[in-house]
Protein backbone atom coordinates (compact mmCIF):
# COMPACT_ATOMS: atom_id res chain seq x y z
CA MET A 1 0.00 0.00 0.00
CA ARG A 2 1.08 3.54 -0.73
CA ILE A 3 1.41 6.63 1.44
CA MET A 4 0.20 9.91 -0.08
CA ALA A 5 1.33 13.36 1.04
CA PHE A 6 -0.16 16.80 0.49
CA ASP A 7 1.30 20.29 0.50
CA TYR A 8 -2.02 22.14 0.86
CA GLY A 9 -2.47 25.58 -0.61
CA THR A 10 -5.57 27.58 -1.45
CA LYS A 11 -4.54 27.74 -5.14
CA ARG A 12 -2.81 24.37 -5.55
CA ILE A 13 -2.30 21.18 -3.61
CA GLY A 14 1.02 19.48 -4.23
CA ILE A 15 0.74 15.70 -4.08
CA ALA A 16 3.41 13.03 -3.66
CA VAL A 17 3.17 9.26 -3.22
CA THR A 18 5.34 6.34 -2.28
CA ASP A 19 5.80 3.22 -4.31
CA PRO A 20 3.70 0.25 -3.05
CA LEU A 21 6.63 -0.96 -0.89
CA GLN A 22 6.92 2.52 0.69
CA ILE A 23 10.60 2.91 -0.15
CA ILE A 24 10.64 5.92 -2.49
CA ALA A 25 8.72 9.21 -2.25
CA THR A 26 7.86 10.67 -5.66
CA ALA A 27 6.31 14.00 -6.60
CA LEU A 28 3.03 13.19 -8.37
CA THR A 29 1.08 16.28 -9.42
CA THR A 30 -0.69 19.43 -8.33
CA VAL A 31 -4.46 19.71 -8.17
CA HIS A 32 -6.71 22.73 -7.64
CA PRO A 33 -8.43 22.47 -4.23
CA GLU A 34 -11.87 22.35 -5.88
CA LYS A 35 -10.83 19.24 -7.85
CA ILE A 36 -9.01 17.36 -5.09
CA TRP A 37 -11.96 15.17 -4.07
CA ASP A 38 -12.59 13.92 -7.62
CA PHE A 39 -8.86 13.38 -8.06
CA LEU A 40 -8.62 11.35 -4.84
CA THR A 41 -11.69 9.27 -5.63
CA ASN A 42 -10.24 8.39 -9.04
CA TYR A 43 -6.76 7.72 -7.68
CA LEU A 44 -8.02 5.54 -4.85
CA SER A 45 -10.11 3.47 -7.26
CA ALA A 46 -6.84 2.39 -8.92
CA GLU A 47 -4.31 2.47 -6.06
CA GLN A 48 -4.38 1.46 -2.41
CA VAL A 49 -3.31 4.14 0.06
CA GLU A 50 -2.97 3.37 3.76
CA THR A 51 -1.94 6.80 5.06
CA PHE A 52 -2.43 10.44 4.08
CA VAL A 53 0.33 12.79 5.29
CA VAL A 54 -0.58 16.47 5.35
CA GLY A 55 1.93 19.27 5.77
CA LYS A 56 0.99 21.29 8.83
CA PRO A 57 1.78 25.00 8.39
CA VAL A 58 3.68 26.20 11.43
CA GLN A 59 5.40 29.53 12.19
CA MET A 60 9.02 29.68 13.30
CA ASP A 61 7.89 29.96 16.95
CA GLY A 62 5.76 26.81 16.63
CA SER A 63 2.41 28.60 16.47
CA ALA A 64 -0.09 27.94 13.69
CA SER A 65 0.32 29.98 10.52
CA GLU A 66 -2.45 31.96 8.86
CA SER A 67 -3.13 29.11 6.42
CA ALA A 68 -3.64 26.61 9.27
CA PRO A 69 -7.48 26.89 9.28
CA HIS A 70 -7.58 25.87 5.59
CA VAL A 71 -5.38 22.86 6.28
CA THR A 72 -7.48 21.93 9.34
CA GLY A 73 -10.62 21.95 7.18
CA PHE A 74 -8.88 19.83 4.53
CA VAL A 75 -7.74 17.30 7.15
CA ARG A 76 -11.24 17.15 8.65
CA LYS A 77 -12.78 16.45 5.24
CA LEU A 78 -10.11 13.84 4.40
CA ARG A 79 -10.96 11.96 7.60
CA LYS A 80 -14.69 12.18 6.93
CA THR A 81 -14.52 11.29 3.21
CA PHE A 82 -11.97 8.46 3.56
CA PRO A 83 -12.46 7.09 7.10
CA GLY A 84 -10.46 3.92 6.39
CA ILE A 85 -7.26 5.87 5.68
CA GLN A 86 -5.10 7.19 8.51
CA VAL A 87 -4.36 10.94 8.36
CA VAL A 88 -1.12 12.26 9.87
CA GLU A 89 0.00 15.89 10.06
CA VAL A 90 3.70 16.73 9.68
CA ASP A 91 5.47 20.03 10.35
CA GLU A 92 6.13 21.57 6.93
CA ARG A 93 8.46 24.41 7.96
CA PHE A 94 11.10 25.10 5.31
CA THR A 95 9.73 22.59 2.76
CA SER A 96 9.14 25.25 0.09
CA LYS A 97 12.66 26.61 0.53
CA MET A 98 14.09 23.09 0.47
CA ALA A 99 12.05 22.30 -2.65
CA SER A 100 13.31 25.43 -4.42
CA SER A 101 16.87 24.45 -3.52
CA VAL A 102 16.42 20.89 -4.81
CA ILE A 103 14.92 22.16 -8.05
CA ALA A 104 17.76 24.67 -8.51
CA GLN A 105 20.35 21.92 -7.95
CA SER A 106 18.61 19.69 -10.49
CA GLY A 107 19.80 21.93 -13.33
CA LYS A 108 16.32 23.01 -14.43
CA LYS A 109 16.09 26.24 -16.40
CA LYS A 110 15.14 29.31 -14.37
CA SER A 111 11.66 29.48 -15.92
CA LYS A 112 10.99 25.88 -14.87
CA ARG A 113 12.39 26.49 -11.36
CA GLN A 114 9.92 29.33 -10.84
CA GLU A 115 6.84 27.22 -11.62
CA LYS A 116 4.81 27.20 -8.41
CA GLY A 117 3.28 23.81 -9.19
CA LEU A 118 6.70 22.18 -9.39
CA VAL A 119 7.66 23.67 -6.01
CA ASP A 120 4.38 22.37 -4.54
CA THR A 121 4.86 18.80 -5.76
CA VAL A 122 8.50 18.71 -4.64
CA SER A 123 7.41 20.15 -1.26
CA ALA A 124 4.88 17.33 -0.95
CA ALA A 125 7.64 14.81 -1.72
CA ILE A 126 9.83 16.37 1.01
CA ILE A 127 6.92 16.20 3.48
CA LEU A 128 6.45 12.54 2.56
CA GLN A 129 10.17 11.76 2.83
CA THR A 130 10.31 13.44 6.24
CA PHE A 131 7.37 11.32 7.44
CA MET A 132 8.97 8.13 6.10
CA GLU A 133 12.29 8.88 7.84
CA THR A 134 10.72 9.68 11.21
CA ARG A 135 8.16 6.88 11.51
CA SER A 136 10.56 4.00 12.05
């Protein structure tokens, strides 16, 4: 079974998944928040997911960020819509900066590095990788 991670934003949700053996985290796609439920229903009809990992937006001092209420609503609806799938929240501080750095180091052209959707999917992969490294 796979693990799926989300970097939630009000304009885009970055999504990453593991392979079925849960060894490798891979950036999957970005989806507009209005289309996430159809996307998940379709994805879950083809793939088995045991855990959803959601990046929890936290300020440097550990307090909730201004986007936290949106993420809380998303997590609540995930739990209600897919009750058989565990939902875990992971601190997402610095993931966007780390994603930008990874993309820059990959040799992508500047125009590609500035694509917000790419940053969001790579951020989701970093959130997923962090979860995978800390759960054992």
